[in-house]
Amino acid sequence: MTGAPSAARGPWLLLACSLALAACGYLLLDGGQRTPSSDVAAGSAPHSQLPAQPPSQNTLAPQPSVSSTPPQPAPTPPPRGEGRAADLQIQQLLEKAWPADLPAAQERQLRKKGALLLYADATGVGRDRFPDIFSRRPAQQVAPAFSRFRIQAAIARQDKDAKTSGRAVVHLVWAAADRGGTYTDGRISDLYFHRPKGGAPWTALPLNP
């Protein structure tokens, strides 16, 4: 009679131990297999989702903007055949390429004389205005028969290549039709003038042969 209770308690004790071990195993298993989503829900974000370190003070300060102006392309003359519509652009290109270095009144005088001299040389009209120039030409030489003559642009500048001072060069761009009737614009001529000291007027120098 006394051994019966011990024998009855044996299975219950074993069952209780088994349940206790199962509960411990479940707790251990549940604690080791928690997913990242459960960590986020619990307030502990995974390492890959942690905020980055705050930027340093240097990066927070506004950086000066470096604005470098790209080099401007060199101005190009208008295509030939544009007619009078291109004259103003050519004039502006000449003035930009060779900045003015003569008094405005002298430049106007030189430009006028240069245009008259070029017209006389190209067409043969008005050569009597420049006897010192055209009297040196051979008598049998025939003047080029250009027609529809037009000055497109002109500037006058100091002749800095001259060995002596008091010289100027007139750059002229002009258009005309040759004897065959072919009209060509964008022709270029340089005419040289000399001015003695003392305020004498500009006189034309001999033309290139």
N, C-alpha and C. Protein backbone atom coordinates (compact mmCIF):
# COMPACT_ATOMS: atom_id res chain seq x y z
N MET A 1 0.84 -1.19 0.00
CA MET A 1 0.00 0.00 0.00
C MET A 1 0.86 1.23 0.00
N THR A 2 1.97 1.20 0.72
CA THR A 2 2.80 2.38 0.78
C THR A 2 3.55 2.65 -0.48
N GLY A 3 3.82 1.68 -1.31
CA GLY A 3 4.58 1.90 -2.57
C GLY A 3 3.73 2.32 -3.70
N ALA A 4 2.40 2.23 -3.58
CA ALA A 4 1.54 2.57 -4.69
C ALA A 4 1.60 4.04 -5.05
N PRO A 5 1.54 4.95 -4.05
CA PRO A 5 1.62 6.38 -4.42
C PRO A 5 2.91 6.72 -5.15
N SER A 6 4.01 6.12 -4.74
CA SER A 6 5.27 6.41 -5.45
C SER A 6 5.20 5.97 -6.88
N ALA A 7 4.61 4.85 -7.10
CA ALA A 7 4.49 4.37 -8.48
C ALA A 7 3.56 5.21 -9.27
N ALA A 8 2.50 5.79 -8.59
CA ALA A 8 1.56 6.65 -9.31
C ALA A 8 2.17 7.98 -9.65
N ARG A 9 3.05 8.48 -8.75
CA ARG A 9 3.66 9.79 -9.01
C ARG A 9 4.73 9.72 -10.08
N GLY A 10 5.23 8.54 -10.39
CA GLY A 10 6.31 8.43 -11.37
C GLY A 10 5.94 8.94 -12.73
N PRO A 11 4.85 8.52 -13.37
CA PRO A 11 4.50 9.03 -14.70
C PRO A 11 4.19 10.51 -14.71
N TRP A 12 3.51 10.98 -13.69
CA TRP A 12 3.21 12.43 -13.63
C TRP A 12 4.47 13.28 -13.50
N LEU A 13 5.41 12.74 -12.73
CA LEU A 13 6.66 13.47 -12.58
C LEU A 13 7.41 13.52 -13.90
N LEU A 14 7.40 12.38 -14.57
CA LEU A 14 8.08 12.36 -15.88
C LEU A 14 7.38 13.28 -16.86
N LEU A 15 6.04 13.31 -16.83
CA LEU A 15 5.28 14.17 -17.73
C LEU A 15 5.54 15.64 -17.42
N ALA A 16 5.60 15.95 -16.10
CA ALA A 16 5.87 17.33 -15.72
C ALA A 16 7.25 17.76 -16.17
N CYS A 17 8.22 16.85 -16.02
CA CYS A 17 9.59 17.20 -16.48
C CYS A 17 9.64 17.38 -17.98
N SER A 18 8.89 16.53 -18.65
CA SER A 18 8.87 16.65 -20.13
C SER A 18 8.27 17.97 -20.57
N LEU A 19 7.15 18.33 -19.89
CA LEU A 19 6.52 19.61 -20.23
C LEU A 19 7.44 20.78 -19.92
N ALA A 20 8.13 20.71 -18.79
CA ALA A 20 9.06 21.79 -18.43
C ALA A 20 10.17 21.91 -19.45
N LEU A 21 10.72 20.75 -19.87
CA LEU A 21 11.80 20.78 -20.87
C LEU A 21 11.29 21.32 -22.20
N ALA A 22 10.04 20.92 -22.56
CA ALA A 22 9.46 21.40 -23.83
C ALA A 22 9.26 22.91 -23.79
N ALA A 23 8.81 23.40 -22.62
CA ALA A 23 8.60 24.85 -22.50
C ALA A 23 9.92 25.59 -22.61
N CYS A 24 10.95 25.04 -21.95
CA CYS A 24 12.27 25.69 -22.07
C CYS A 24 12.78 25.67 -23.49
N GLY A 25 12.59 24.54 -24.15
CA GLY A 25 13.03 24.47 -25.56
C GLY A 25 12.29 25.44 -26.44
N TYR A 26 11.01 25.61 -26.22
CA TYR A 26 10.22 26.54 -27.03
C TYR A 26 10.70 27.98 -26.84
N LEU A 27 10.96 28.30 -25.53
CA LEU A 27 11.45 29.65 -25.27
C LEU A 27 12.79 29.90 -25.92
N LEU A 28 13.67 28.87 -25.79
CA LEU A 28 14.98 29.04 -26.42
C LEU A 28 14.85 29.13 -27.94
N LEU A 29 14.00 28.32 -28.52
CA LEU A 29 13.82 28.32 -29.97
C LEU A 29 13.20 29.62 -30.45
N ASP A 30 12.26 30.15 -29.74
CA ASP A 30 11.59 31.39 -30.14
C ASP A 30 12.55 32.57 -30.03
N GLY A 31 13.41 32.58 -29.01
CA GLY A 31 14.35 33.68 -28.85
C GLY A 31 15.44 33.67 -29.89
N GLY A 32 15.82 32.55 -30.42
CA GLY A 32 16.91 32.50 -31.40
C GLY A 32 16.47 32.67 -32.81
N GLN A 33 15.17 32.64 -33.10
CA GLN A 33 14.69 32.71 -34.48
C GLN A 33 13.83 33.94 -34.73
N ARG A 34 14.09 35.05 -34.05
CA ARG A 34 13.32 36.26 -34.25
C ARG A 34 13.76 36.90 -35.56
N THR A 35 12.80 37.28 -36.35
CA THR A 35 13.07 37.82 -37.69
C THR A 35 13.35 39.29 -37.61
N PRO A 36 13.96 39.94 -38.70
CA PRO A 36 14.19 41.39 -38.71
C PRO A 36 12.92 42.18 -38.53
N SER A 37 11.79 41.66 -39.07
CA SER A 37 10.55 42.42 -38.91
C SER A 37 10.15 42.50 -37.45
N SER A 38 10.41 41.44 -36.71
CA SER A 38 10.08 41.49 -35.29
C SER A 38 11.01 42.44 -34.57
N ASP A 39 12.28 42.53 -35.02
CA ASP A 39 13.19 43.47 -34.41
C ASP A 39 12.72 44.91 -34.62
N VAL A 40 12.27 45.22 -35.86
CA VAL A 40 11.78 46.56 -36.13
C VAL A 40 10.56 46.86 -35.28
N ALA A 41 9.67 45.85 -35.15
CA ALA A 41 8.48 46.06 -34.33
C ALA A 41 8.85 46.29 -32.89
N ALA A 42 9.95 45.68 -32.47
CA ALA A 42 10.36 45.83 -31.08
C ALA A 42 11.15 47.11 -30.88
N GLY A 43 11.44 47.89 -31.95
CA GLY A 43 12.15 49.15 -31.81
C GLY A 43 13.62 49.06 -32.07
N SER A 44 14.14 47.92 -32.49
CA SER A 44 15.56 47.76 -32.78
C SER A 44 15.73 47.52 -34.27
N ALA A 45 16.16 48.56 -35.03
CA ALA A 45 16.28 48.45 -36.48
C ALA A 45 17.50 47.66 -36.85
N PRO A 46 17.45 46.91 -37.94
CA PRO A 46 18.62 46.19 -38.42
C PRO A 46 19.74 47.17 -38.71
N HIS A 47 20.98 46.68 -38.78
CA HIS A 47 22.15 47.53 -39.00
C HIS A 47 22.08 48.23 -40.35
N SER A 48 21.54 47.55 -41.38
CA SER A 48 21.48 48.15 -42.71
C SER A 48 20.51 49.31 -42.78
N GLN A 49 19.61 49.44 -41.83
CA GLN A 49 18.63 50.50 -41.85
C GLN A 49 18.96 51.61 -40.86
N LEU A 50 20.11 51.54 -40.21
CA LEU A 50 20.46 52.58 -39.28
C LEU A 50 20.77 53.86 -40.04
N PRO A 51 20.42 55.01 -39.51
CA PRO A 51 20.74 56.26 -40.20
C PRO A 51 22.23 56.46 -40.29
N ALA A 52 22.67 57.07 -41.39
CA ALA A 52 24.09 57.32 -41.58
C ALA A 52 24.56 58.37 -40.59
N GLN A 53 25.89 58.47 -40.42
CA GLN A 53 26.46 59.46 -39.53
C GLN A 53 26.15 60.86 -40.05
N PRO A 54 25.89 61.82 -39.20
CA PRO A 54 25.60 63.18 -39.67
C PRO A 54 26.80 63.76 -40.40
N PRO A 55 26.57 64.54 -41.47
CA PRO A 55 27.70 65.11 -42.21
C PRO A 55 28.49 66.06 -41.35
N SER A 56 29.76 66.21 -41.73
CA SER A 56 30.62 67.10 -40.97
C SER A 56 30.22 68.54 -41.20
N GLN A 57 30.81 69.44 -40.41
CA GLN A 57 30.46 70.85 -40.50
C GLN A 57 30.86 71.42 -41.86
N ASN A 58 31.96 70.90 -42.44
CA ASN A 58 32.41 71.40 -43.73
C ASN A 58 31.40 71.09 -44.83
N THR A 59 30.80 69.91 -44.76
CA THR A 59 29.84 69.55 -45.80
C THR A 59 28.53 70.27 -45.62
N LEU A 60 28.20 70.65 -44.34
CA LEU A 60 26.97 71.38 -44.13
C LEU A 60 27.08 72.82 -44.61
N ALA A 61 28.30 73.38 -44.59
CA ALA A 61 28.46 74.77 -45.02
C ALA A 61 28.25 74.87 -46.52
N PRO A 62 27.62 75.94 -46.99
CA PRO A 62 27.41 76.09 -48.44
C PRO A 62 28.72 76.23 -49.17
N GLN A 63 28.90 75.46 -50.20
CA GLN A 63 30.11 75.48 -50.98
C GLN A 63 30.03 76.57 -52.03
N PRO A 64 31.11 77.33 -52.21
CA PRO A 64 31.07 78.39 -53.24
C PRO A 64 30.93 77.78 -54.62
N SER A 65 30.07 78.36 -55.40
CA SER A 65 29.86 77.87 -56.76
C SER A 65 30.96 78.40 -57.67
N VAL A 66 31.57 77.50 -58.40
CA VAL A 66 32.64 77.86 -59.33
C VAL A 66 32.01 77.98 -60.71
N SER A 67 31.83 79.19 -61.14
CA SER A 67 31.21 79.43 -62.45
C SER A 67 32.30 79.85 -63.42
N SER A 68 32.70 78.95 -64.26
CA SER A 68 33.71 79.25 -65.26
C SER A 68 33.02 79.48 -66.59
N THR A 69 33.25 80.68 -67.14
CA THR A 69 32.64 81.01 -68.42
C THR A 69 33.33 80.23 -69.53
N PRO A 70 32.60 79.45 -70.29
CA PRO A 70 33.25 78.69 -71.37
C PRO A 70 33.82 79.64 -72.39
N PRO A 71 34.94 79.27 -73.00
CA PRO A 71 35.54 80.15 -74.00
C PRO A 71 34.60 80.37 -75.18
N GLN A 72 34.51 81.60 -75.55
CA GLN A 72 33.63 81.93 -76.66
C GLN A 72 34.32 81.59 -77.98
N PRO A 73 33.56 81.04 -78.87
CA PRO A 73 34.17 80.76 -80.17
C PRO A 73 34.57 82.02 -80.89
N ALA A 74 35.62 81.92 -81.67
CA ALA A 74 36.07 83.08 -82.43
C ALA A 74 35.02 83.48 -83.45
N PRO A 75 34.80 84.78 -83.59
CA PRO A 75 33.79 85.22 -84.56
C PRO A 75 34.19 84.85 -85.98
N THR A 76 33.25 84.42 -86.73
CA THR A 76 33.50 84.02 -88.11
C THR A 76 32.76 84.96 -89.05
N PRO A 77 33.36 85.26 -90.18
CA PRO A 77 32.66 86.15 -91.12
C PRO A 77 31.45 85.46 -91.73
N PRO A 78 30.49 86.23 -92.16
CA PRO A 78 29.31 85.63 -92.78
C PRO A 78 29.68 84.97 -94.10
N PRO A 79 28.91 84.01 -94.54
CA PRO A 79 29.22 83.36 -95.81
C PRO A 79 29.11 84.34 -96.97
N ARG A 80 29.87 84.07 -98.00
CA ARG A 80 29.82 84.95 -99.17
C ARG A 80 28.47 84.82 -99.86
N GLY A 81 28.14 85.89 -100.54
CA GLY A 81 26.88 85.90 -101.25
C GLY A 81 25.72 86.41 -100.43
N GLU A 82 25.98 86.91 -99.21
CA GLU A 82 24.90 87.41 -98.37
C GLU A 82 24.45 88.80 -98.79
N GLY A 83 25.24 89.48 -99.62
CA GLY A 83 24.85 90.81 -100.07
C GLY A 83 25.03 91.85 -98.98
N ARG A 84 24.24 92.93 -99.10
CA ARG A 84 24.37 94.04 -98.14
C ARG A 84 23.99 93.64 -96.73
N ALA A 85 23.27 92.55 -96.56
CA ALA A 85 22.87 92.12 -95.22
C ALA A 85 24.08 91.74 -94.36
N ALA A 86 25.20 91.42 -95.01
CA ALA A 86 26.39 91.00 -94.26
C ALA A 86 27.35 92.15 -93.99
N ASP A 87 27.11 93.32 -94.57
CA ASP A 87 28.07 94.42 -94.45
C ASP A 87 28.27 94.85 -93.00
N LEU A 88 27.19 95.00 -92.26
CA LEU A 88 27.30 95.45 -90.87
C LEU A 88 28.06 94.44 -90.03
N GLN A 89 27.82 93.15 -90.26
CA GLN A 89 28.52 92.12 -89.48
C GLN A 89 30.01 92.14 -89.79
N ILE A 90 30.37 92.34 -91.06
CA ILE A 90 31.78 92.41 -91.42
C ILE A 90 32.44 93.62 -90.76
N GLN A 91 31.74 94.74 -90.76
CA GLN A 91 32.27 95.94 -90.12
C GLN A 91 32.53 95.70 -88.63
N GLN A 92 31.62 95.04 -87.97
CA GLN A 92 31.78 94.76 -86.54
C GLN A 92 32.93 93.80 -86.30
N LEU A 93 33.11 92.82 -87.18
CA LEU A 93 34.22 91.89 -87.03
C LEU A 93 35.55 92.60 -87.18
N LEU A 94 35.66 93.52 -88.13
CA LEU A 94 36.90 94.27 -88.30
C LEU A 94 37.20 95.11 -87.06
N GLU A 95 36.20 95.79 -86.54
CA GLU A 95 36.41 96.65 -85.38
C GLU A 95 36.78 95.84 -84.14
N LYS A 96 36.26 94.63 -84.04
CA LYS A 96 36.58 93.79 -82.89
C LYS A 96 37.98 93.19 -83.03
N ALA A 97 38.36 92.84 -84.24
CA ALA A 97 39.67 92.22 -84.45
C ALA A 97 40.80 93.23 -84.27
N TRP A 98 40.58 94.48 -84.68
CA TRP A 98 41.59 95.52 -84.57
C TRP A 98 40.99 96.71 -83.82
N PRO A 99 41.18 96.78 -82.51
CA PRO A 99 40.62 97.91 -81.74
C PRO A 99 41.17 99.25 -82.25
N ALA A 100 40.35 100.27 -82.16
CA ALA A 100 40.71 101.58 -82.67
C ALA A 100 41.93 102.14 -81.93
N ASP A 101 42.86 102.73 -82.68
CA ASP A 101 44.04 103.34 -82.08
C ASP A 101 44.35 104.70 -82.71
N LEU A 102 43.40 105.27 -83.45
CA LEU A 102 43.54 106.58 -84.05
C LEU A 102 42.39 107.47 -83.60
N PRO A 103 42.59 108.78 -83.55
CA PRO A 103 41.45 109.66 -83.28
C PRO A 103 40.34 109.45 -84.29
N ALA A 104 39.11 109.60 -83.85
CA ALA A 104 37.96 109.31 -84.70
C ALA A 104 37.98 110.15 -85.97
N ALA A 105 38.36 111.43 -85.86
CA ALA A 105 38.38 112.29 -87.04
C ALA A 105 39.40 111.82 -88.07
N GLN A 106 40.57 111.38 -87.59
CA GLN A 106 41.59 110.88 -88.51
C GLN A 106 41.15 109.57 -89.17
N GLU A 107 40.50 108.73 -88.40
CA GLU A 107 40.05 107.47 -89.00
C GLU A 107 39.00 107.72 -90.08
N ARG A 108 38.08 108.61 -89.84
CA ARG A 108 37.09 108.92 -90.87
C ARG A 108 37.75 109.46 -92.14
N GLN A 109 38.76 110.31 -91.97
CA GLN A 109 39.47 110.85 -93.12
C GLN A 109 40.18 109.75 -93.90
N LEU A 110 40.82 108.85 -93.18
CA LEU A 110 41.55 107.76 -93.83
C LEU A 110 40.60 106.79 -94.53
N ARG A 111 39.50 106.49 -93.89
CA ARG A 111 38.53 105.58 -94.52
C ARG A 111 37.98 106.16 -95.81
N LYS A 112 37.72 107.46 -95.81
CA LYS A 112 37.20 108.10 -97.03
C LYS A 112 38.24 108.08 -98.14
N LYS A 113 39.48 108.44 -97.79
CA LYS A 113 40.53 108.43 -98.80
C LYS A 113 40.82 107.01 -99.29
N GLY A 114 40.79 106.07 -98.38
CA GLY A 114 41.03 104.69 -98.78
C GLY A 114 39.97 104.18 -99.74
N ALA A 115 38.70 104.52 -99.49
CA ALA A 115 37.62 104.08 -100.38
C ALA A 115 37.76 104.72 -101.76
N LEU A 116 38.12 106.01 -101.80
CA LEU A 116 38.30 106.68 -103.10
C LEU A 116 39.47 106.09 -103.87
N LEU A 117 40.55 105.81 -103.17
CA LEU A 117 41.72 105.23 -103.82
C LEU A 117 41.43 103.83 -104.36
N LEU A 118 40.74 103.03 -103.59
CA LEU A 118 40.41 101.69 -104.05
C LEU A 118 39.45 101.74 -105.23
N TYR A 119 38.50 102.63 -105.19
CA TYR A 119 37.55 102.76 -106.30
C TYR A 119 38.28 103.18 -107.58
N ALA A 120 39.23 104.11 -107.45
CA ALA A 120 39.99 104.56 -108.62
C ALA A 120 40.85 103.43 -109.17
N ASP A 121 41.43 102.64 -108.30
CA ASP A 121 42.29 101.55 -108.75
C ASP A 121 41.49 100.43 -109.39
N ALA A 122 40.30 100.14 -108.84
CA ALA A 122 39.51 99.01 -109.32
C ALA A 122 38.74 99.34 -110.58
N THR A 123 38.29 100.57 -110.72
CA THR A 123 37.43 100.92 -111.86
C THR A 123 38.10 101.87 -112.85
N GLY A 124 39.17 102.52 -112.44
CA GLY A 124 39.81 103.50 -113.30
C GLY A 124 39.20 104.88 -113.22
N VAL A 125 38.15 105.04 -112.44
CA VAL A 125 37.46 106.32 -112.32
C VAL A 125 38.01 107.08 -111.11
N GLY A 126 38.39 108.35 -111.34
CA GLY A 126 38.88 109.17 -110.26
C GLY A 126 40.36 109.05 -110.00
N ARG A 127 41.12 108.57 -110.96
CA ARG A 127 42.55 108.44 -110.74
C ARG A 127 43.26 109.80 -110.74
N ASP A 128 42.61 110.79 -111.29
CA ASP A 128 43.21 112.11 -111.28
C ASP A 128 43.33 112.69 -109.88
N ARG A 129 42.62 112.13 -108.92
CA ARG A 129 42.75 112.58 -107.54
C ARG A 129 44.05 112.11 -106.90
N PHE A 130 44.67 111.14 -107.48
CA PHE A 130 45.89 110.56 -106.91
C PHE A 130 46.98 110.53 -108.00
N PRO A 131 47.44 111.70 -108.44
CA PRO A 131 48.43 111.71 -109.52
C PRO A 131 49.75 111.07 -109.11
N ASP A 132 50.10 111.19 -107.82
CA ASP A 132 51.37 110.60 -107.39
C ASP A 132 51.34 109.08 -107.39
N ILE A 133 50.16 108.52 -107.41
CA ILE A 133 50.03 107.07 -107.38
C ILE A 133 49.96 106.49 -108.78
N PHE A 134 49.05 107.01 -109.57
CA PHE A 134 48.78 106.37 -110.87
C PHE A 134 49.68 106.90 -111.98
N SER A 135 50.36 108.02 -111.79
CA SER A 135 51.28 108.49 -112.82
C SER A 135 52.51 107.60 -112.91
N ARG A 136 52.78 106.81 -111.88
CA ARG A 136 53.93 105.91 -111.89
C ARG A 136 53.62 104.59 -112.58
N ARG A 137 52.37 104.35 -112.88
CA ARG A 137 52.00 103.10 -113.56
C ARG A 137 52.36 103.19 -115.03
N PRO A 138 52.76 102.10 -115.64
CA PRO A 138 53.03 102.13 -117.09
C PRO A 138 51.80 102.56 -117.87
N ALA A 139 52.01 103.35 -118.91
CA ALA A 139 50.88 103.89 -119.67
C ALA A 139 50.07 102.80 -120.34
N GLN A 140 50.72 101.71 -120.73
CA GLN A 140 50.00 100.67 -121.45
C GLN A 140 49.20 99.75 -120.52
N GLN A 141 49.38 99.94 -119.21
CA GLN A 141 48.65 99.08 -118.29
C GLN A 141 47.17 99.47 -118.27
N VAL A 142 46.31 98.49 -118.44
CA VAL A 142 44.88 98.74 -118.49
C VAL A 142 44.30 98.52 -117.09
N ALA A 143 43.49 99.46 -116.68
CA ALA A 143 42.87 99.33 -115.36
C ALA A 143 41.88 98.18 -115.34
N PRO A 144 41.82 97.45 -114.24
CA PRO A 144 40.83 96.37 -114.14
C PRO A 144 39.42 96.92 -114.32
N ALA A 145 38.65 96.27 -115.12
CA ALA A 145 37.29 96.75 -115.42
C ALA A 145 36.31 96.12 -114.44
N PHE A 146 36.30 96.60 -113.21
CA PHE A 146 35.32 96.14 -112.22
C PHE A 146 34.09 97.03 -112.29
N SER A 147 32.97 96.45 -112.13
CA SER A 147 31.71 97.18 -112.11
C SER A 147 30.92 96.77 -110.87
N ARG A 148 29.84 97.52 -110.62
CA ARG A 148 28.99 97.27 -109.45
C ARG A 148 29.84 97.25 -108.18
N PHE A 149 30.72 98.20 -108.10
CA PHE A 149 31.67 98.29 -106.99
C PHE A 149 30.95 98.75 -105.72
N ARG A 150 31.31 98.13 -104.58
CA ARG A 150 30.71 98.51 -103.31
C ARG A 150 31.67 98.22 -102.17
N ILE A 151 31.86 99.21 -101.29
CA ILE A 151 32.63 98.99 -100.08
C ILE A 151 31.73 98.33 -99.04
N GLN A 152 32.15 97.19 -98.56
CA GLN A 152 31.36 96.49 -97.54
C GLN A 152 31.72 96.93 -96.12
N ALA A 153 33.00 97.13 -95.87
CA ALA A 153 33.44 97.53 -94.54
C ALA A 153 34.83 98.13 -94.66
N ALA A 154 35.18 98.99 -93.72
CA ALA A 154 36.49 99.63 -93.75
C ALA A 154 36.86 100.13 -92.36
N ILE A 155 38.14 100.00 -92.01
CA ILE A 155 38.68 100.58 -90.79
C ILE A 155 40.06 101.12 -91.10
N ALA A 156 40.53 102.05 -90.29
CA ALA A 156 41.88 102.61 -90.42
C ALA A 156 42.59 102.46 -89.07
N ARG A 157 43.81 101.96 -89.13
CA ARG A 157 44.59 101.73 -87.92
C ARG A 157 46.05 102.15 -88.15
N GLN A 158 46.76 102.34 -87.07
CA GLN A 158 48.18 102.63 -87.19
C GLN A 158 48.91 101.44 -87.79
N ASP A 159 49.89 101.75 -88.64
CA ASP A 159 50.69 100.69 -89.24
C ASP A 159 51.84 100.38 -88.28
N LYS A 160 51.61 99.44 -87.42
CA LYS A 160 52.60 99.12 -86.39
C LYS A 160 53.77 98.31 -86.94
N ASP A 161 53.65 97.81 -88.16
CA ASP A 161 54.76 97.09 -88.78
C ASP A 161 55.75 98.03 -89.45
N ALA A 162 55.38 99.30 -89.56
CA ALA A 162 56.25 100.26 -90.23
C ALA A 162 57.45 100.59 -89.34
N LYS A 163 58.59 100.85 -89.98
CA LYS A 163 59.80 101.18 -89.24
C LYS A 163 59.76 102.62 -88.73
N THR A 164 58.98 103.45 -89.36
CA THR A 164 58.86 104.85 -88.94
C THR A 164 57.42 105.12 -88.52
N SER A 165 57.25 106.11 -87.67
CA SER A 165 55.91 106.47 -87.20
C SER A 165 55.20 107.31 -88.25
N GLY A 166 53.95 107.59 -88.01
CA GLY A 166 53.19 108.42 -88.92
C GLY A 166 52.64 107.68 -90.12
N ARG A 167 52.51 106.36 -90.01
CA ARG A 167 51.93 105.57 -91.09
C ARG A 167 50.66 104.90 -90.61
N ALA A 168 49.73 104.74 -91.54
CA ALA A 168 48.46 104.09 -91.23
C ALA A 168 48.09 103.16 -92.37
N VAL A 169 47.27 102.17 -92.05
CA VAL A 169 46.79 101.23 -93.04
C VAL A 169 45.27 101.22 -92.99
N VAL A 170 44.65 101.20 -94.15
CA VAL A 170 43.20 101.13 -94.26
C VAL A 170 42.83 99.74 -94.76
N HIS A 171 42.11 99.01 -93.93
CA HIS A 171 41.63 97.67 -94.29
C HIS A 171 40.25 97.83 -94.93
N LEU A 172 40.10 97.33 -96.13
CA LEU A 172 38.82 97.44 -96.84
C LEU A 172 38.35 96.08 -97.30
N VAL A 173 37.06 95.85 -97.13
CA VAL A 173 36.39 94.67 -97.68
C VAL A 173 35.37 95.20 -98.69
N TRP A 174 35.43 94.66 -99.91
CA TRP A 174 34.61 95.23 -100.96
C TRP A 174 34.07 94.15 -101.89
N ALA A 175 33.13 94.56 -102.72
CA ALA A 175 32.47 93.64 -103.66
C ALA A 175 32.40 94.30 -105.02
N ALA A 176 32.48 93.50 -106.07
CA ALA A 176 32.41 94.03 -107.44
C ALA A 176 32.28 92.87 -108.41
N ALA A 177 31.89 93.19 -109.63
CA ALA A 177 31.81 92.21 -110.71
C ALA A 177 33.01 92.39 -111.63
N ASP A 178 33.63 91.29 -112.02
CA ASP A 178 34.78 91.38 -112.90
C ASP A 178 34.33 91.51 -114.35
N ARG A 179 35.29 91.47 -115.26
CA ARG A 179 34.95 91.65 -116.67
C ARG A 179 34.03 90.56 -117.19
N GLY A 180 34.13 89.39 -116.64
CA GLY A 180 33.25 88.31 -117.07
C GLY A 180 31.86 88.37 -116.48
N GLY A 181 31.62 89.35 -115.63
CA GLY A 181 30.30 89.50 -115.02
C GLY A 181 30.12 88.74 -113.73
N THR A 182 31.17 88.07 -113.26
CA THR A 182 31.07 87.33 -112.02
C THR A 182 31.16 88.28 -110.83
N TYR A 183 30.11 88.33 -110.05
CA TYR A 183 30.07 89.23 -108.89
C TYR A 183 30.60 88.49 -107.67
N THR A 184 31.58 89.09 -107.01
CA THR A 184 32.20 88.47 -105.85
C THR A 184 32.28 89.47 -104.72
N ASP A 185 31.86 89.05 -103.55
CA ASP A 185 32.01 89.90 -102.37
C ASP A 185 33.12 89.33 -101.50
N GLY A 186 33.44 90.05 -100.44
CA GLY A 186 34.49 89.59 -99.54
C GLY A 186 35.90 89.80 -100.08
N ARG A 187 36.07 90.66 -101.06
CA ARG A 187 37.42 90.98 -101.53
C ARG A 187 38.10 91.84 -100.46
N ILE A 188 39.41 91.68 -100.31
CA ILE A 188 40.15 92.37 -99.25
C ILE A 188 41.31 93.14 -99.85
N SER A 189 41.47 94.37 -99.40
CA SER A 189 42.60 95.21 -99.84
C SER A 189 43.10 96.02 -98.65
N ASP A 190 44.42 96.21 -98.59
CA ASP A 190 45.06 97.06 -97.59
C ASP A 190 45.78 98.19 -98.30
N LEU A 191 45.43 99.42 -97.96
CA LEU A 191 46.05 100.60 -98.56
C LEU A 191 46.76 101.38 -97.46
N TYR A 192 47.95 101.91 -97.81
CA TYR A 192 48.79 102.54 -96.80
C TYR A 192 48.90 104.05 -97.05
N PHE A 193 48.96 104.78 -95.95
CA PHE A 193 49.03 106.23 -95.99
C PHE A 193 50.10 106.72 -95.03
N HIS A 194 50.62 107.91 -95.36
CA HIS A 194 51.66 108.50 -94.53
C HIS A 194 51.27 109.91 -94.18
N ARG A 195 51.62 110.31 -92.97
CA ARG A 195 51.32 111.66 -92.51
C ARG A 195 52.58 112.27 -91.89
N PRO A 196 53.17 113.25 -92.57
CA PRO A 196 54.36 113.90 -92.00
C PRO A 196 54.01 114.62 -90.70
N LYS A 197 55.02 114.88 -89.92
CA LYS A 197 54.81 115.59 -88.67
C LYS A 197 54.35 117.01 -88.94
N GLY A 198 53.59 117.55 -88.01
CA GLY A 198 53.12 118.92 -88.16
C GLY A 198 51.67 119.03 -88.55
N GLY A 199 50.93 117.92 -88.55
CA GLY A 199 49.51 117.98 -88.85
C GLY A 199 49.17 118.04 -90.31
N ALA A 200 50.10 117.61 -91.19
CA ALA A 200 49.80 117.59 -92.63
C ALA A 200 48.77 116.51 -92.92
N PRO A 201 48.04 116.63 -94.03
CA PRO A 201 47.03 115.60 -94.35
C PRO A 201 47.69 114.27 -94.72
N TRP A 202 46.91 113.23 -94.62
CA TRP A 202 47.39 111.90 -94.97
C TRP A 202 47.53 111.80 -96.50
N THR A 203 48.64 111.24 -96.93
CA THR A 203 48.87 111.03 -98.36
C THR A 203 49.05 109.54 -98.62
N ALA A 204 48.56 109.10 -99.77
CA ALA A 204 48.62 107.69 -100.11
C ALA A 204 50.03 107.27 -100.50
N LEU A 205 50.42 106.09 -100.09
CA LEU A 205 51.70 105.51 -100.47
C LEU A 205 51.50 104.67 -101.72
N PRO A 206 52.58 104.43 -102.48
CA PRO A 206 52.45 103.64 -103.72
C PRO A 206 51.77 102.31 -103.49
N LEU A 207 50.94 101.91 -104.43
CA LEU A 207 50.25 100.64 -104.34
C LEU A 207 51.19 99.50 -104.66
N ASN A 208 50.87 98.35 -104.13
CA ASN A 208 51.66 97.17 -104.48
C ASN A 208 51.45 96.83 -105.95
N PRO A 209 52.54 96.46 -106.65
CA PRO A 209 52.39 96.14 -108.07
C PRO A 209 51.53 94.90 -108.26
